[in-house]
Amino acid sequence: MQISRAKIEAVAVKAAQYPDEGVPEIAFAGRSNVGKSSLLNLLTRRKSLARVSGSPGKTRTINFYKINDEFRIVDLPGYGYARVSKSESEKWGTMIEGYLENRECLLKVIQLVDIRHKPSTQDVQMYEYLKYYNLDGIVVATKADKVSGNQRSKSLAEIRRTLGMDRGDKVIPVSALKRTGYEELLDELEKLLDEYDH
């Protein structure tokens, strides 16, 4: 798959602001500062479709991007940012849950984890949550350029083990900096959309 067109369609904090259903959606979730914006910019070949920020916790809304006029990529707020107040954090949690539980056209959630660290308790909770709603199965290990080849296979095995992933689930190492791994992710998105169409 090639992404040739990408534009922001809606920025939402509640369901009333979501765009109409009827277009398949694939959401991206991950801890604050895991590299979600960089990945979305890499996939869409746009420098600043998603705003990249050095300070975590910047995405506080659910952002809907229309892709190739065929489907949407949905950018969920980063979770697990310590310097956010408890009430703010709960608000995000409720916002994300509301979207995941009630969105009929949501096909899958791609979860991002940092390849350099063992998945956190919140990463594990998120994956279990996605599993419960049958939205799990694809994890992107970001910042893959930061580890050696030998360390990479160890890290990927640890991610699989810690998240309790099934054998058929995929972990895709991606580096936004070196622009590697994203083609495999685009192939997975294409498969999801093909299944939706049939």
Protein backbone atom coordinates (compact mmCIF):
# COMPACT_ATOMS: atom_id res chain seq x y z
CA MET A 1 0.00 0.00 0.00
CA GLN A 2 1.10 3.54 -0.72
CA ILE A 3 -0.39 6.46 1.13
CA SER A 4 -0.73 9.31 -1.33
CA ARG A 5 -3.32 11.48 0.42
CA ALA A 6 -3.69 12.24 4.11
CA LYS A 7 -5.58 15.03 5.81
CA ILE A 8 -6.88 15.71 9.26
CA GLU A 9 -10.63 15.22 9.31
CA ALA A 10 -11.61 15.74 12.93
CA VAL A 11 -10.15 16.52 16.35
CA ALA A 12 -12.40 15.16 19.06
CA VAL A 13 -12.73 14.92 22.81
CA LYS A 14 -16.21 13.35 22.74
CA ALA A 15 -18.24 11.06 20.50
CA ALA A 16 -20.39 13.88 19.11
CA GLN A 17 -17.27 15.27 17.44
CA TYR A 18 -16.26 12.03 15.71
CA PRO A 19 -16.67 11.89 11.94
CA ASP A 20 -19.45 9.66 10.59
CA GLU A 21 -18.96 5.90 10.71
CA GLY A 22 -19.01 3.99 7.43
CA VAL A 23 -15.30 4.41 6.76
CA PRO A 24 -13.00 1.75 8.26
CA GLU A 25 -10.68 3.01 11.00
CA ILE A 26 -7.34 1.77 12.31
CA ALA A 27 -6.24 3.39 15.56
CA PHE A 28 -2.75 3.89 16.98
CA ALA A 29 -2.14 3.79 20.73
CA GLY A 30 0.95 4.02 22.87
CA ARG A 31 2.62 5.63 25.84
CA SER A 32 3.45 9.30 25.70
CA ASN A 33 6.68 9.93 23.78
CA VAL A 34 6.79 6.45 22.22
CA GLY A 35 7.12 8.01 18.76
CA LYS A 36 3.53 7.86 17.52
CA SER A 37 3.58 11.20 15.69
CA SER A 38 6.88 10.35 13.99
CA LEU A 39 5.44 7.00 12.86
CA LEU A 40 2.27 8.58 11.46
CA ASN A 41 4.33 11.14 9.57
CA LEU A 42 6.52 8.34 8.19
CA LEU A 43 3.53 6.26 7.06
CA THR A 44 1.86 9.22 5.36
CA ARG A 45 5.14 10.65 4.02
CA ARG A 46 4.21 14.01 5.47
CA LYS A 47 6.62 15.96 7.63
CA SER A 48 4.09 17.45 9.96
CA LEU A 49 0.72 15.74 9.57
CA ALA A 50 0.96 14.76 13.24
CA ARG A 51 2.76 17.30 15.39
CA VAL A 52 5.95 15.83 16.85
CA SER A 53 6.79 17.20 20.25
CA GLY A 54 9.76 16.79 22.55
CA SER A 55 7.47 17.08 25.54
CA PRO A 56 5.26 14.02 26.11
CA GLY A 57 1.52 14.23 26.66
CA LYS A 58 0.92 16.62 23.77
CA THR A 59 -1.86 14.66 22.05
CA ARG A 60 -4.84 15.27 24.30
CA THR A 61 -7.48 14.69 21.69
CA ILE A 62 -8.50 11.85 19.39
CA ASN A 63 -7.30 12.88 15.93
CA PHE A 64 -8.92 11.39 12.83
CA TYR A 65 -6.92 11.40 9.58
CA LYS A 66 -8.58 10.54 6.26
CA ILE A 67 -6.19 8.41 4.21
CA ASN A 68 -6.39 8.01 0.39
CA ASP A 69 -10.12 8.89 0.75
CA GLU A 70 -10.56 5.21 1.71
CA PHE A 71 -9.99 4.78 5.43
CA ARG A 72 -8.98 6.64 8.59
CA ILE A 73 -5.98 6.47 10.85
CA VAL A 74 -7.00 7.47 14.36
CA ASP A 75 -4.36 8.88 16.70
CA LEU A 76 -5.30 8.21 20.33
CA PRO A 77 -3.90 10.29 23.22
CA GLY A 78 -0.66 8.91 24.68
CA TYR A 79 -1.16 7.11 28.00
CA GLY A 80 1.06 6.82 31.05
CA TYR A 81 2.40 10.36 31.21
CA ALA A 82 3.29 10.92 34.86
CA ARG A 83 3.15 14.72 34.95
CA VAL A 84 -0.52 14.90 34.10
CA SER A 85 -2.96 15.32 36.96
CA LYS A 86 -4.96 12.27 38.00
CA SER A 87 -8.25 13.83 36.87
CA GLU A 88 -6.74 14.69 33.46
CA SER A 89 -5.38 11.16 33.13
CA GLU A 90 -8.79 9.67 34.02
CA LYS A 91 -10.43 11.95 31.48
CA TRP A 92 -8.15 10.60 28.73
CA GLY A 93 -8.80 7.05 29.90
CA THR A 94 -12.55 7.55 29.65
CA MET A 95 -12.17 9.22 26.25
CA ILE A 96 -10.05 6.36 24.86
CA GLU A 97 -12.32 3.67 26.34
CA GLY A 98 -15.43 5.36 24.97
CA TYR A 99 -13.92 5.32 21.50
CA LEU A 100 -12.60 1.73 21.63
CA GLU A 101 -15.78 0.25 23.07
CA ASN A 102 -18.34 1.97 20.88
CA ARG A 103 -16.78 2.56 17.49
CA GLU A 104 -18.34 0.09 15.05
CA CYS A 105 -15.99 0.85 12.15
CA LEU A 106 -12.80 0.31 14.19
CA LEU A 107 -10.90 -2.65 12.68
CA LYS A 108 -7.76 -2.82 14.81
CA VAL A 109 -5.60 -0.88 17.25
CA ILE A 110 -1.88 -0.81 16.49
CA GLN A 111 -0.09 -0.57 19.83
CA LEU A 112 3.32 1.09 19.97
CA VAL A 113 6.02 0.17 22.47
CA ASP A 114 9.61 1.42 22.74
CA ILE A 115 11.98 -1.38 21.68
CA ARG A 116 14.60 -0.25 24.23
CA HIS A 117 12.43 -0.94 27.29
CA LYS A 118 10.43 -3.84 28.61
CA PRO A 119 6.72 -3.01 28.12
CA SER A 120 5.36 -1.15 31.15
CA THR A 121 2.43 -2.21 33.32
CA GLN A 122 0.28 0.25 31.36
CA ASP A 123 1.42 -1.27 28.05
CA VAL A 124 0.41 -4.70 29.34
CA GLN A 125 -2.96 -3.39 30.57
CA MET A 126 -3.56 -1.76 27.20
CA TYR A 127 -2.78 -4.97 25.32
CA GLU A 128 -5.07 -7.01 27.58
CA TYR A 129 -7.77 -4.43 27.06
CA LEU A 130 -7.36 -4.61 23.28
CA LYS A 131 -7.43 -8.40 23.47
CA TYR A 132 -10.70 -8.25 25.38
CA TYR A 133 -12.24 -6.19 22.58
CA ASN A 134 -10.61 -8.29 19.85
CA LEU A 135 -8.57 -5.31 18.63
CA ASP A 136 -5.12 -6.74 19.45
CA GLY A 137 -2.59 -8.58 17.29
CA ILE A 138 -0.25 -5.92 15.89
CA VAL A 139 2.44 -4.21 17.93
CA VAL A 140 5.01 -1.77 16.55
CA ALA A 141 8.37 -1.66 18.33
CA THR A 142 9.51 1.93 17.76
CA LYS A 143 13.04 3.39 17.78
CA ALA A 144 14.43 0.16 16.29
CA ASP A 145 17.59 1.98 15.17
CA LYS A 146 18.57 2.43 18.83
CA VAL A 147 19.40 -1.26 19.38
CA SER A 148 21.84 -3.65 17.67
CA GLY A 149 20.61 -6.58 15.57
CA ASN A 150 21.35 -9.08 18.31
CA GLN A 151 19.63 -6.97 20.97
CA ARG A 152 16.69 -6.42 18.64
CA SER A 153 15.65 -10.08 18.53
CA LYS A 154 15.97 -10.30 22.33
CA SER A 155 13.85 -7.16 22.76
CA LEU A 156 11.17 -8.41 20.37
CA ALA A 157 10.99 -11.72 22.23
CA GLU A 158 10.68 -9.84 25.53
CA ILE A 159 7.87 -7.66 24.14
CA ARG A 160 5.97 -10.77 23.00
CA ARG A 161 6.45 -12.48 26.34
CA THR A 162 5.61 -9.46 28.52
CA LEU A 163 2.45 -8.58 26.59
CA GLY A 164 1.37 -12.23 26.44
CA MET A 165 1.04 -12.13 22.67
CA ASP A 166 -0.32 -15.11 20.75
CA ARG A 167 1.78 -16.94 18.19
CA GLY A 168 0.01 -15.39 15.21
CA ASP A 169 0.35 -11.83 16.58
CA LYS A 170 2.89 -9.56 14.93
CA VAL A 171 5.62 -7.35 16.37
CA ILE A 172 7.06 -5.04 13.73
CA PRO A 173 10.29 -3.16 14.50
CA VAL A 174 10.17 0.32 12.95
CA SER A 175 12.60 3.21 12.87
CA ALA A 176 11.18 6.58 11.85
CA LEU A 177 14.70 7.98 11.82
CA LYS A 178 16.12 5.35 9.46
CA ARG A 179 12.76 4.91 7.67
CA THR A 180 12.75 1.13 8.12
CA GLY A 181 10.00 -1.37 8.92
CA TYR A 182 7.09 0.82 7.95
CA GLU A 183 6.45 -1.00 4.63
CA GLU A 184 5.64 -4.15 6.58
CA LEU A 185 3.21 -2.16 8.70
CA LEU A 186 1.57 -0.70 5.58
CA ASP A 187 1.18 -4.27 4.27
CA GLU A 188 -0.62 -5.22 7.49
CA LEU A 189 -2.94 -2.21 7.17
CA GLU A 190 -3.71 -3.24 3.61
CA LYS A 191 -4.59 -6.79 4.75
CA LEU A 192 -6.96 -5.41 7.39
CA LEU A 193 -8.72 -3.23 4.82
CA ASP A 194 -8.97 -6.13 2.33
CA GLU A 195 -10.62 -8.28 5.01
CA TYR A 196 -13.03 -5.44 5.79
CA ASP A 197 -14.02 -5.16 2.14
CA HIS A 198 -14.87 -8.84 1.76
